[in-house]
Amino acid sequence: TMKTITIEGMSCNHCVMAVTRAFEEIDGIKNVKVDLKKGRATFDEDRPVDMKTVQEKIEDAGYRVVP
């Protein structure tokens, strides 16, 4: 299942790498693409992933998931 989330606080390619790394730490997520200009990330789930876990990982990296 492909999902898209909006992320605030990204301003450069370092931010993109940090967000990508945060996603890679979550079991069940693959094919992460972070779009700096749109402030979004898309990813595929190969099994159900709790969105609260996603939000916590992104926030731990220093960014904010926008509902």
C-alpha atoms as a PDB file:
ATOM      1  CA  THR A   1       0.000   0.000   0.000  1.00  0.00           C
ATOM      2  CA  MET A   2       1.422   3.386  -0.968  1.00  0.00           C
ATOM      3  CA  LYS A   3       0.921   6.257   1.461  1.00  0.00           C
ATOM      4  CA  THR A   4       1.748   9.955   1.370  1.00  0.00           C
ATOM      5  CA  ILE A   5       2.354  12.198   4.369  1.00  0.00           C
ATOM      6  CA  THR A   6       3.136  15.900   4.656  1.00  0.00           C
ATOM      7  CA  ILE A   7       6.196  16.881   6.672  1.00  0.00           C
ATOM      8  CA  GLU A   8       7.051  20.354   7.984  1.00  0.00           C
ATOM      9  CA  GLY A   9      10.506  21.644   8.757  1.00  0.00           C
ATOM     10  CA  MET A  10      12.526  20.315   5.825  1.00  0.00           C
ATOM     11  CA  SER A  11      14.679  22.971   4.186  1.00  0.00           C
ATOM     12  CA  CYS A  12      17.590  21.187   2.496  1.00  0.00           C
ATOM     13  CA  ASN A  13      18.938  17.887   1.205  1.00  0.00           C
ATOM     14  CA  HIS A  14      20.302  17.055   4.662  1.00  0.00           C
ATOM     15  CA  CYS A  15      16.695  17.205   5.893  1.00  0.00           C
ATOM     16  CA  VAL A  16      15.638  14.834   3.106  1.00  0.00           C
ATOM     17  CA  MET A  17      18.358  12.363   4.128  1.00  0.00           C
ATOM     18  CA  ALA A  18      17.402  12.596   7.815  1.00  0.00           C
ATOM     19  CA  VAL A  19      13.727  11.940   7.061  1.00  0.00           C
ATOM     20  CA  THR A  20      14.626   9.077   4.714  1.00  0.00           C
ATOM     21  CA  ARG A  21      16.800   7.513   7.431  1.00  0.00           C
ATOM     22  CA  ALA A  22      13.951   7.833   9.932  1.00  0.00           C
ATOM     23  CA  PHE A  23      11.651   5.934   7.568  1.00  0.00           C
ATOM     24  CA  GLU A  24      14.280   3.248   6.977  1.00  0.00           C
ATOM     25  CA  GLU A  25      14.284   2.505  10.719  1.00  0.00           C
ATOM     26  CA  ILE A  26      10.624   1.441  10.564  1.00  0.00           C
ATOM     27  CA  ASP A  27      10.037  -2.229   9.865  1.00  0.00           C
ATOM     28  CA  GLY A  28       7.530  -2.764   7.045  1.00  0.00           C
ATOM     29  CA  ILE A  29       8.292   0.421   5.071  1.00  0.00           C
ATOM     30  CA  LYS A  30      10.055   0.443   1.705  1.00  0.00           C
ATOM     31  CA  ASN A  31      10.435   2.604  -1.426  1.00  0.00           C
ATOM     32  CA  VAL A  32      10.634   5.874   0.512  1.00  0.00           C
ATOM     33  CA  LYS A  33      10.692   9.043  -1.610  1.00  0.00           C
ATOM     34  CA  VAL A  34      11.002  12.395   0.132  1.00  0.00           C
ATOM     35  CA  ASP A  35      10.098  15.492  -1.916  1.00  0.00           C
ATOM     36  CA  LEU A  36      11.702  18.605  -0.429  1.00  0.00           C
ATOM     37  CA  LYS A  37       9.811  21.095  -2.627  1.00  0.00           C
ATOM     38  CA  LYS A  38       6.383  19.621  -1.880  1.00  0.00           C
ATOM     39  CA  GLY A  39       7.190  18.861   1.757  1.00  0.00           C
ATOM     40  CA  ARG A  40       5.966  15.304   1.376  1.00  0.00           C
ATOM     41  CA  ALA A  41       7.085  11.735   1.684  1.00  0.00           C
ATOM     42  CA  THR A  42       5.631   8.730  -0.086  1.00  0.00           C
ATOM     43  CA  PHE A  43       6.297   5.149   0.908  1.00  0.00           C
ATOM     44  CA  ASP A  44       5.045   1.616   0.445  1.00  0.00           C
ATOM     45  CA  GLU A  45       4.016  -0.694   3.251  1.00  0.00           C
ATOM     46  CA  ASP A  46       4.750  -4.378   2.863  1.00  0.00           C
ATOM     47  CA  ARG A  47       2.699  -4.938   6.021  1.00  0.00           C
ATOM     48  CA  PRO A  48       0.496  -2.624   8.107  1.00  0.00           C
ATOM     49  CA  VAL A  49       2.504   0.070   9.876  1.00  0.00           C
ATOM     50  CA  ASP A  50       1.155   2.133  12.772  1.00  0.00           C
ATOM     51  CA  MET A  51       1.110   5.776  11.640  1.00  0.00           C
ATOM     52  CA  LYS A  52       1.829   6.834  15.234  1.00  0.00           C
ATOM     53  CA  THR A  53       5.177   5.028  14.904  1.00  0.00           C
ATOM     54  CA  VAL A  54       5.869   6.895  11.658  1.00  0.00           C
ATOM     55  CA  GLN A  55       5.005  10.215  13.281  1.00  0.00           C
ATOM     56  CA  GLU A  56       7.232   9.509  16.292  1.00  0.00           C
ATOM     57  CA  LYS A  57      10.235   8.580  14.109  1.00  0.00           C
ATOM     58  CA  ILE A  58       9.833  11.731  11.994  1.00  0.00           C
ATOM     59  CA  GLU A  59       9.499  13.888  15.119  1.00  0.00           C
ATOM     60  CA  ASP A  60      12.554  12.211  16.703  1.00  0.00           C
ATOM     61  CA  ALA A  61      14.475  13.280  13.573  1.00  0.00           C
ATOM     62  CA  GLY A  62      13.404  16.899  14.231  1.00  0.00           C
ATOM     63  CA  TYR A  63      10.485  17.344  11.806  1.00  0.00           C
ATOM     64  CA  ARG A  64       6.718  17.457  12.077  1.00  0.00           C
ATOM     65  CA  VAL A  65       4.056  15.322  10.403  1.00  0.00           C
ATOM     66  CA  VAL A  66       1.096  17.452   9.341  1.00  0.00           C
ATOM     67  CA  PRO A  67      -2.343  15.803   9.526  1.00  0.00           C
END
